[in-house]
Amino acid sequence: MSLDELLAIGMILTFMLLLLGGVPVGIGIATAGFVFGWMGFGDFLFNLSPARIYGVVTKYEFLAIPLFVYMGVMLEKSRVAEDMLDVVGRLSGSLHGGMALALIVVGVLMGASTGIVGATVVTLTLLTMPILLKRGYDPGVSAGAICASGTLGQIIPPSLVLILLADIMAESVGTLFAASLLPGLMLALLYSAYILGLGVLRPAMLPPIPKEERQDVRGVALLAAAIKALAPPLLLIGGVLGSIIGGLAAPTEAAGVGAVLAIVVAAIYGRLTLRMIWEAGEGTLRISSMIFFILIAAQVFSIAFRGLDGEALVKDMLALTPGGETGALIFLMVLLFVLGFFLEWIEISYIALPLLLPFFKEAGVDMVWLAALVALNLQTSFLTPPFGWALFFLKGVAPPEVTTKAIYLGVLPFIAIQLVALAILFNVPGLALWLPAAIGW
């Protein structure tokens, strides 16, 4: 093994140690890249980095990131989820697990309109956890349903994960949006099937809404409430996704329209204020700055790793994997799943993926299908203990009686469901490839 390859391995290990030591991701990845890159090929690293960084900050497609973030933050602050959850819960009637099913539905709608896991999980926890506990729901099941539904925005477009994967894999954002739509809906259906099955097998864990409460609003009044709560976000989602997938607008253009429509939706609900607009802008700046800082730092890491012949090292390692191309794909999926226990999705996307992708491109693996697999796999990183961020978000705002043990046990079935969905997509590539082919992407 050459000195450069030893430096490449040392760079990865150093970055992992910095993360475990509590160093912020962007600082850790830039430090490892600069130090080991300079040790490997000297000042030339500093000549290459500015051009790569300039390419990131001037990339037109990345304008969609702050616009989609703004759309999500504005919808979260206008309490759209609160109205949707109440209506869908009442529509479920006497069904055991009806409120948990409402969580899944709202998770799909919020995911398709916000794509911000932290905001969705915190919102759903604050709105629903006290109500679910008051109605006799098992704390673990409640926590699992909230975390699982709150993370659907990472696979259901428009998703920041898919926007960044499009850049990493050199595919169009619209193609990846189309490819991930059916797998995301499939995952939501599997969640719903689990809730229904649990309601039959363990009805005491998922009691229905009391009859007297359902009778407060019903008939025409319930229909009117459903239209008011569901129509504006559904129209927004349909307009944004439809224009992108249908080829009528670029993702950046559709994101701009979505940001404006989010303000309109807040106004329709009568909740638009100057303070809300200011807070939405502040939240967008904070989230977008974090994403772009990591993107820029990752460029330094990538240049250093390639300069140290890290790609050849990875290619040789994958070539030794038993089972050929299929074995290498399984290895990649297992690696991403394991990394999800310790790292966040953006770290995995810009560290692990660029190291492994060249092998799969040379092997002729369909990048669109692979992107859908990766996006579905990355979603598990939000739920897997001990560092699943959705678990942290929920625990931070959950009532004191919801223990960490209950949260961890509650998410385990949903992690298993995600792995089942991943296995289905792995064996049925058409789930990801059919829609892009049907619309001509």
Protein backbone atom coordinates (compact mmCIF):
# COMPACT_ATOMS: atom_id res chain seq x y z
CA MET A 1 0.00 0.00 0.00
CA SER A 2 1.42 3.39 -1.03
CA LEU A 3 1.94 6.41 1.20
CA ASP A 4 -0.89 8.30 -0.54
CA GLU A 5 -3.35 5.47 0.15
CA LEU A 6 -2.30 5.39 3.81
CA LEU A 7 -2.92 9.15 3.97
CA ALA A 8 -6.37 8.67 2.39
CA ILE A 9 -7.29 6.10 5.03
CA GLY A 10 -5.88 8.34 7.75
CA MET A 11 -7.96 11.25 6.46
CA ILE A 12 -11.19 9.27 6.78
CA LEU A 13 -10.31 7.97 10.25
CA THR A 14 -9.32 11.45 11.41
CA PHE A 15 -12.61 12.89 10.23
CA MET A 16 -14.53 10.17 12.11
CA LEU A 17 -12.55 10.89 15.28
CA LEU A 18 -13.25 14.62 14.96
CA LEU A 19 -16.97 13.90 14.64
CA LEU A 20 -16.95 11.62 17.68
CA GLY A 21 -15.08 14.35 19.55
CA GLY A 22 -17.95 16.77 18.96
CA VAL A 23 -16.36 18.91 16.24
CA PRO A 24 -19.00 20.35 13.86
CA VAL A 25 -19.31 18.46 10.60
CA GLY A 26 -18.23 21.25 8.26
CA ILE A 27 -15.15 22.14 10.31
CA GLY A 28 -14.18 18.48 10.75
CA ILE A 29 -14.40 17.56 7.08
CA ALA A 30 -12.53 20.70 5.96
CA THR A 31 -9.79 20.18 8.57
CA ALA A 32 -9.22 16.55 7.57
CA GLY A 33 -9.19 17.49 3.88
CA PHE A 34 -6.79 20.42 4.21
CA VAL A 35 -4.33 18.70 6.56
CA PHE A 36 -4.02 15.38 4.73
CA GLY A 37 -4.30 16.97 1.29
CA TRP A 38 -1.42 19.30 2.11
CA MET A 39 0.60 16.37 3.47
CA GLY A 40 -0.02 14.46 0.22
CA PHE A 41 0.51 17.05 -2.51
CA GLY A 42 1.37 20.32 -0.83
CA ASP A 43 0.26 23.80 -1.86
CA PHE A 44 -1.34 22.50 -5.07
CA LEU A 45 -4.43 21.68 -2.98
CA PHE A 46 -4.96 25.39 -2.30
CA ASN A 47 -4.75 26.15 -6.03
CA LEU A 48 -7.48 23.62 -6.86
CA SER A 49 -9.95 24.37 -4.04
CA PRO A 50 -11.14 27.90 -5.03
CA ALA A 51 -12.42 26.77 -8.44
CA ARG A 52 -14.35 23.86 -6.91
CA ILE A 53 -15.84 26.08 -4.20
CA TYR A 54 -16.81 28.71 -6.78
CA GLY A 55 -18.56 25.98 -8.77
CA VAL A 56 -20.70 25.11 -5.74
CA VAL A 57 -21.73 28.63 -4.73
CA THR A 58 -22.62 29.60 -8.33
CA LYS A 59 -24.50 26.39 -9.25
CA TYR A 60 -27.93 27.46 -10.49
CA GLU A 61 -29.70 24.30 -9.31
CA PHE A 62 -28.71 24.98 -5.70
CA LEU A 63 -30.95 28.05 -5.66
CA ALA A 64 -33.77 25.57 -5.09
CA ILE A 65 -32.42 24.67 -1.65
CA PRO A 66 -33.15 27.92 0.25
CA LEU A 67 -36.42 28.36 -1.67
CA PHE A 68 -37.71 24.90 -0.71
CA VAL A 69 -36.48 25.44 2.84
CA TYR A 70 -38.37 28.74 3.00
CA MET A 71 -41.52 27.04 1.70
CA GLY A 72 -41.24 24.41 4.41
CA VAL A 73 -40.49 26.81 7.26
CA MET A 74 -43.39 29.07 6.27
CA LEU A 75 -45.84 26.15 6.16
CA GLU A 76 -44.59 24.87 9.48
CA LYS A 77 -45.08 28.26 11.13
CA SER A 78 -48.57 28.65 9.64
CA ARG A 79 -49.65 25.48 11.55
CA VAL A 80 -50.98 23.73 8.46
CA ALA A 81 -50.11 20.36 10.00
CA GLU A 82 -52.31 21.04 13.02
CA ASP A 83 -55.43 21.51 10.90
CA MET A 84 -54.66 18.54 8.64
CA LEU A 85 -54.09 16.21 11.59
CA ASP A 86 -57.32 17.13 13.31
CA VAL A 87 -59.41 16.62 10.18
CA VAL A 88 -57.81 13.35 9.08
CA GLY A 89 -58.09 11.99 12.63
CA ARG A 90 -61.81 12.70 12.69
CA LEU A 91 -62.29 11.19 9.23
CA SER A 92 -60.77 7.92 10.49
CA GLY A 93 -63.78 7.49 12.78
CA SER A 94 -63.88 4.53 15.15
CA LEU A 95 -60.85 2.84 13.60
CA HIS A 96 -58.23 1.58 16.05
CA GLY A 97 -55.05 3.47 15.24
CA GLY A 98 -56.97 6.20 13.41
CA MET A 99 -54.86 9.01 14.86
CA ALA A 100 -51.65 7.13 13.97
CA LEU A 101 -52.94 6.74 10.40
CA ALA A 102 -53.64 10.46 10.39
CA LEU A 103 -49.99 10.98 11.37
CA ILE A 104 -48.83 9.00 8.33
CA VAL A 105 -51.12 10.96 5.98
CA VAL A 106 -49.99 14.28 7.42
CA GLY A 107 -46.39 13.11 7.23
CA VAL A 108 -46.79 12.47 3.50
CA LEU A 109 -48.40 15.87 2.93
CA MET A 110 -45.93 17.74 5.13
CA GLY A 111 -43.02 15.86 3.59
CA ALA A 112 -44.16 16.78 0.10
CA SER A 113 -44.61 20.41 1.10
CA THR A 114 -41.69 21.02 3.47
CA GLY A 115 -39.00 18.32 3.30
CA ILE A 116 -37.57 19.52 6.65
CA VAL A 117 -37.34 16.64 9.09
CA GLY A 118 -36.62 18.68 12.21
CA ALA A 119 -39.55 21.05 11.70
CA THR A 120 -41.98 18.23 10.85
CA VAL A 121 -41.01 15.95 13.75
CA VAL A 122 -41.05 18.78 16.31
CA THR A 123 -44.38 20.08 15.00
CA LEU A 124 -46.02 16.65 15.05
CA THR A 125 -44.64 15.91 18.53
CA LEU A 126 -45.88 19.17 20.04
CA LEU A 127 -49.29 18.83 18.38
CA THR A 128 -50.02 15.14 18.77
CA MET A 129 -47.96 13.47 21.50
CA PRO A 130 -49.95 14.95 24.44
CA ILE A 131 -53.22 14.10 22.66
CA LEU A 132 -52.15 10.54 21.83
CA LEU A 133 -51.04 9.89 25.40
CA LYS A 134 -54.25 11.39 26.77
CA ARG A 135 -56.27 9.04 24.55
CA GLY A 136 -54.41 5.98 25.78
CA TYR A 137 -51.94 5.40 22.95
CA ASP A 138 -48.82 3.43 23.80
CA PRO A 139 -45.91 5.92 24.18
CA GLY A 140 -43.53 3.78 22.07
CA VAL A 141 -46.01 3.37 19.21
CA SER A 142 -46.78 7.09 19.34
CA ALA A 143 -43.08 8.01 19.21
CA GLY A 144 -42.40 5.55 16.38
CA ALA A 145 -45.32 6.80 14.29
CA ILE A 146 -44.32 10.45 14.77
CA CYS A 147 -40.65 9.85 13.90
CA ALA A 148 -41.46 7.66 10.89
CA SER A 149 -44.08 9.98 9.43
CA GLY A 150 -41.93 13.04 10.12
CA THR A 151 -39.05 11.65 8.06
CA LEU A 152 -41.09 10.82 4.94
CA GLY A 153 -40.05 14.18 3.52
CA GLN A 154 -36.59 12.77 2.80
CA ILE A 155 -37.88 10.34 0.16
CA ILE A 156 -41.07 12.06 -1.02
CA PRO A 157 -40.20 15.01 -3.29
CA PRO A 158 -39.42 17.86 -3.16
CA SER A 159 -36.61 16.73 -0.88
CA LEU A 160 -33.25 18.31 -0.08
CA VAL A 161 -31.76 14.80 -0.11
CA LEU A 162 -32.85 14.32 -3.73
CA ILE A 163 -31.59 17.76 -4.80
CA LEU A 164 -28.12 17.03 -3.43
CA LEU A 165 -28.11 13.45 -4.78
CA ALA A 166 -28.89 14.87 -8.22
CA ASP A 167 -25.72 16.94 -8.00
CA ILE A 168 -23.60 14.06 -6.69
CA MET A 169 -24.86 11.58 -9.31
CA ALA A 170 -25.01 14.05 -12.22
CA GLU A 171 -28.73 13.44 -12.82
CA SER A 172 -31.54 15.96 -13.22
CA VAL A 173 -33.51 16.89 -10.12
CA GLY A 174 -36.81 16.26 -11.91
CA THR A 175 -35.76 12.71 -12.80
CA LEU A 176 -34.91 11.87 -9.19
CA PHE A 177 -38.14 13.46 -7.98
CA ALA A 178 -40.09 11.22 -10.35
CA ALA A 179 -38.03 8.15 -9.43
CA SER A 180 -38.57 8.57 -5.68
CA LEU A 181 -42.28 9.35 -5.70
CA LEU A 182 -43.59 5.76 -5.95
CA PRO A 183 -41.04 4.29 -3.48
CA GLY A 184 -41.95 7.04 -1.00
CA LEU A 185 -45.67 6.35 -1.31
CA MET A 186 -44.97 2.61 -1.02
CA LEU A 187 -43.15 3.24 2.26
CA ALA A 188 -46.10 5.28 3.57
CA LEU A 189 -48.47 2.42 2.64
CA LEU A 190 -46.27 -0.09 4.48
CA TYR A 191 -46.35 2.16 7.56
CA SER A 192 -50.14 2.33 7.31
CA ALA A 193 -50.43 -1.46 6.95
CA TYR A 194 -48.35 -1.91 10.11
CA ILE A 195 -50.56 0.54 12.03
CA LEU A 196 -53.74 -1.24 10.86
CA GLY A 197 -52.30 -4.65 11.72
CA LEU A 198 -51.22 -3.47 15.16
CA GLY A 199 -54.69 -2.00 15.71
CA VAL A 200 -56.20 -5.44 15.06
CA LEU A 201 -53.66 -7.44 17.10
CA ARG A 202 -53.19 -4.96 19.96
CA PRO A 203 -56.29 -2.71 19.96
CA ALA A 204 -55.61 -1.47 23.50
CA MET A 205 -52.38 0.18 22.27
CA LEU A 206 -54.24 2.23 19.63
CA PRO A 207 -57.70 3.24 20.89
CA PRO A 208 -60.06 5.13 18.55
CA ILE A 209 -61.22 8.73 19.00
CA PRO A 210 -64.11 8.78 21.51
CA LYS A 211 -67.55 8.77 19.88
CA GLU A 212 -68.73 11.94 21.62
CA GLU A 213 -65.69 13.83 20.31
CA ARG A 214 -66.30 12.65 16.74
CA GLN A 215 -69.89 13.83 16.91
CA ASP A 216 -68.84 17.41 17.67
CA VAL A 217 -67.96 17.94 13.99
CA ARG A 218 -69.50 15.69 11.34
CA GLY A 219 -71.48 15.67 8.11
CA VAL A 220 -71.32 18.86 6.08
CA ALA A 221 -69.28 20.64 8.76
CA LEU A 222 -66.62 17.90 8.67
CA LEU A 223 -66.53 18.00 4.85
CA ALA A 224 -66.06 21.77 4.89
CA ALA A 225 -63.29 21.47 7.49
CA ALA A 226 -61.59 18.79 5.39
CA ILE A 227 -61.66 20.96 2.27
CA LYS A 228 -60.32 23.97 4.17
CA ALA A 229 -57.53 21.98 5.82
CA LEU A 230 -56.43 19.81 2.89
CA ALA A 231 -57.14 21.77 -0.30
CA PRO A 232 -54.49 24.56 0.03
CA PRO A 233 -51.51 22.28 0.82
CA LEU A 234 -52.64 19.73 -1.79
CA LEU A 235 -52.85 22.44 -4.46
CA LEU A 236 -49.40 23.71 -3.46
CA ILE A 237 -47.90 20.22 -3.62
CA GLY A 238 -49.62 19.46 -6.92
CA GLY A 239 -48.45 22.74 -8.43
CA VAL A 240 -44.82 22.40 -7.36
CA LEU A 241 -44.34 18.69 -8.06
CA GLY A 242 -46.54 18.66 -11.14
CA SER A 243 -44.63 21.51 -12.78
CA ILE A 244 -41.26 19.82 -12.08
CA ILE A 245 -42.16 16.25 -13.01
CA GLY A 246 -44.24 17.40 -15.97
CA GLY A 247 -41.33 19.40 -17.33
CA LEU A 248 -43.19 22.73 -17.17
CA ALA A 249 -40.67 24.36 -14.83
CA ALA A 250 -37.15 23.80 -13.59
CA PRO A 251 -36.84 22.83 -9.90
CA THR A 252 -35.48 26.28 -9.06
CA GLU A 253 -38.42 28.00 -10.76
CA ALA A 254 -40.94 25.68 -9.11
CA ALA A 255 -39.25 26.25 -5.73
CA GLY A 256 -39.67 30.01 -6.15
CA VAL A 257 -43.36 29.55 -6.95
CA GLY A 258 -43.70 27.22 -3.97
CA ALA A 259 -42.14 29.77 -1.62
CA VAL A 260 -44.64 32.41 -2.77
CA LEU A 261 -47.57 29.98 -2.56
CA ALA A 262 -46.56 29.06 0.99
CA ILE A 263 -47.02 32.72 1.92
CA VAL A 264 -50.40 32.67 0.16
CA VAL A 265 -51.45 29.55 2.09
CA ALA A 266 -50.50 31.22 5.39
CA ALA A 267 -52.59 34.23 4.34
CA ILE A 268 -55.57 31.98 3.44
CA TYR A 269 -55.48 30.52 6.94
CA GLY A 270 -55.40 34.06 8.35
CA ARG A 271 -52.06 33.54 10.10
CA LEU A 272 -49.68 35.62 8.01
CA THR A 273 -47.86 38.26 10.05
CA LEU A 274 -44.69 40.29 9.65
CA ARG A 275 -43.19 38.40 12.57
CA MET A 276 -43.87 35.08 10.83
CA ILE A 277 -42.22 36.32 7.62
CA TRP A 278 -39.17 37.46 9.60
CA GLU A 279 -38.90 34.16 11.51
CA ALA A 280 -39.30 32.14 8.31
CA GLY A 281 -36.48 34.10 6.69
CA GLU A 282 -34.26 33.69 9.76
CA GLY A 283 -34.91 29.93 9.90
CA THR A 284 -34.22 29.58 6.19
CA LEU A 285 -30.92 31.44 6.51
CA ARG A 286 -29.78 29.22 9.39
CA ILE A 287 -30.67 25.90 7.68
CA SER A 288 -29.35 26.93 4.25
CA SER A 289 -26.08 28.23 5.70
CA MET A 290 -25.48 24.91 7.44
CA ILE A 291 -26.10 22.97 4.23
CA PHE A 292 -23.88 25.18 2.04
CA PHE A 293 -21.05 25.26 4.57
CA ILE A 294 -20.92 21.45 4.54
CA LEU A 295 -21.15 21.44 0.74
CA ILE A 296 -18.16 23.76 0.46
CA ALA A 297 -16.12 21.87 3.06
CA ALA A 298 -16.89 18.58 1.30
CA GLN A 299 -15.24 19.89 -1.88
CA VAL A 300 -11.89 20.17 -0.08
CA PHE A 301 -12.27 16.65 1.30
CA SER A 302 -13.16 15.29 -2.15
CA ILE A 303 -10.18 16.96 -3.87
CA ALA A 304 -7.78 15.64 -1.23
CA PHE A 305 -9.19 12.10 -1.34
CA ARG A 306 -8.96 11.90 -5.12
CA GLY A 307 -5.47 13.39 -5.11
CA LEU A 308 -4.39 10.69 -2.67
CA ASP A 309 -5.64 7.92 -5.00
CA GLY A 310 -8.52 7.17 -2.67
CA GLU A 311 -10.83 6.32 -5.58
CA ALA A 312 -8.47 3.56 -6.74
CA LEU A 313 -8.35 2.22 -3.20
CA VAL A 314 -12.15 2.08 -3.00
CA LYS A 315 -12.41 0.51 -6.47
CA ASP A 316 -9.99 -2.24 -5.50
CA MET A 317 -11.92 -2.88 -2.30
CA LEU A 318 -15.27 -3.19 -4.11
CA ALA A 319 -13.74 -5.42 -6.76
CA LEU A 320 -12.90 -7.90 -4.00
CA THR A 321 -16.52 -8.02 -2.81
CA PRO A 322 -18.06 -11.46 -3.52
CA GLY A 323 -21.06 -11.53 -5.85
CA GLY A 324 -19.81 -9.07 -8.43
CA GLU A 325 -21.98 -6.02 -9.13
CA THR A 326 -24.88 -7.28 -7.00
CA GLY A 327 -22.55 -8.02 -4.10
CA ALA A 328 -21.04 -4.53 -4.37
CA LEU A 329 -24.54 -2.97 -4.34
CA ILE A 330 -25.48 -4.96 -1.25
CA PHE A 331 -22.22 -3.88 0.38
CA LEU A 332 -23.04 -0.23 -0.41
CA MET A 333 -26.55 -0.54 1.07
CA VAL A 334 -25.21 -2.20 4.24
CA LEU A 335 -22.48 0.44 4.56
CA LEU A 336 -24.94 3.33 4.22
CA PHE A 337 -27.28 1.70 6.74
CA VAL A 338 -24.48 1.23 9.29
CA LEU A 339 -23.16 4.77 8.75
CA GLY A 340 -26.69 6.00 9.45
CA PHE A 341 -26.29 4.93 13.08
CA PHE A 342 -23.55 7.52 13.54
CA LEU A 343 -23.70 10.13 10.76
CA GLU A 344 -26.31 12.46 9.32
CA TRP A 345 -27.55 12.07 5.73
CA ILE A 346 -25.65 15.05 4.33
CA GLU A 347 -22.37 13.72 5.75
CA ILE A 348 -23.01 10.28 4.24
CA SER A 349 -23.99 11.83 0.90
CA TYR A 350 -20.88 13.95 0.52
CA ILE A 351 -18.36 11.60 2.09
CA ALA A 352 -19.27 7.96 1.45
CA LEU A 353 -21.10 8.26 -1.87
CA PRO A 354 -18.50 10.17 -3.91
CA LEU A 355 -15.90 7.60 -2.84
CA LEU A 356 -17.96 4.64 -4.10
CA LEU A 357 -19.91 5.98 -7.09
CA PRO A 358 -17.16 5.74 -9.75
CA PHE A 359 -17.12 1.94 -9.40
CA PHE A 360 -20.87 1.68 -10.03
CA LYS A 361 -20.77 4.12 -12.95
CA GLU A 362 -18.08 2.02 -14.63
CA ALA A 363 -20.12 -1.13 -13.93
CA GLY A 364 -23.10 0.39 -15.78
CA VAL A 365 -25.49 0.53 -12.80
CA ASP A 366 -28.53 2.73 -13.49
CA MET A 367 -27.85 5.92 -11.53
CA VAL A 368 -31.53 6.84 -11.23
CA TRP A 369 -32.39 3.51 -9.59
CA LEU A 370 -29.29 3.73 -7.41
CA ALA A 371 -30.27 7.26 -6.31
CA ALA A 372 -33.72 6.02 -5.25
CA LEU A 373 -32.10 3.18 -3.30
CA VAL A 374 -29.70 5.57 -1.61
CA ALA A 375 -32.46 8.05 -0.73
CA LEU A 376 -34.59 5.29 0.80
CA ASN A 377 -31.57 3.97 2.69
CA LEU A 378 -30.57 7.40 3.95
CA GLN A 379 -34.02 7.81 5.46
CA THR A 380 -33.18 5.11 7.98
CA SER A 381 -30.36 7.32 9.31
CA PHE A 382 -32.99 9.57 10.91
CA LEU A 383 -34.44 6.70 12.97
CA THR A 384 -31.51 4.45 13.85
CA PRO A 385 -30.22 4.76 17.43
CA PRO A 386 -28.08 6.09 18.98
CA PHE A 387 -27.72 9.18 16.74
CA GLY A 388 -31.00 9.23 14.82
CA TRP A 389 -31.81 12.93 14.58
CA ALA A 390 -35.57 12.38 14.51
CA LEU A 391 -35.23 10.67 17.91
CA PHE A 392 -33.34 13.68 19.28
CA PHE A 393 -35.91 16.12 17.89
CA LEU A 394 -38.79 14.14 19.43
CA LYS A 395 -37.14 13.63 22.82
CA GLY A 396 -36.34 17.33 23.05
CA VAL A 397 -40.01 18.37 23.00
CA ALA A 398 -41.83 15.20 24.18
CA PRO A 399 -43.59 15.05 27.58
CA PRO A 400 -41.38 13.78 30.44
CA GLU A 401 -43.22 10.44 30.67
CA VAL A 402 -41.98 9.47 27.19
CA THR A 403 -38.68 7.75 27.97
CA THR A 404 -35.70 7.29 25.67
CA LYS A 405 -36.18 3.52 25.92
CA ALA A 406 -39.79 3.81 24.74
CA ILE A 407 -38.70 5.97 21.79
CA TYR A 408 -35.96 3.54 20.73
CA LEU A 409 -38.25 0.51 21.01
CA GLY A 410 -41.05 2.34 19.22
CA VAL A 411 -38.99 3.11 16.12
CA LEU A 412 -37.59 -0.41 15.69
CA PRO A 413 -40.62 -1.76 13.76
CA PHE A 414 -40.52 1.26 11.45
CA ILE A 415 -36.80 0.73 10.79
CA ALA A 416 -37.64 -2.89 9.87
CA ILE A 417 -40.36 -1.61 7.52
CA GLN A 418 -37.85 0.72 5.85
CA LEU A 419 -35.53 -2.24 5.26
CA VAL A 420 -38.42 -4.23 3.76
CA ALA A 421 -39.18 -1.30 1.43
CA LEU A 422 -35.49 -1.12 0.49
CA ALA A 423 -35.46 -4.85 -0.32
CA ILE A 424 -38.57 -4.47 -2.49
CA LEU A 425 -37.04 -1.57 -4.42
CA PHE A 426 -33.75 -3.48 -4.78
CA ASN A 427 -35.57 -6.42 -6.40
CA VAL A 428 -38.13 -4.36 -8.36
CA PRO A 429 -36.20 -1.49 -10.04
CA GLY A 430 -39.31 -0.59 -12.03
CA LEU A 431 -40.75 1.13 -8.96
CA ALA A 432 -38.15 3.84 -9.45
CA LEU A 433 -37.70 3.70 -13.23
CA TRP A 434 -41.29 3.48 -14.46
CA LEU A 435 -42.44 7.05 -13.81
CA PRO A 436 -39.33 8.80 -15.24
CA ALA A 437 -39.66 6.63 -18.39
CA ALA A 438 -43.40 7.24 -18.62
CA ILE A 439 -43.00 11.02 -18.65
CA GLY A 440 -39.94 10.91 -20.90
CA TRP A 441 -37.18 12.00 -18.53
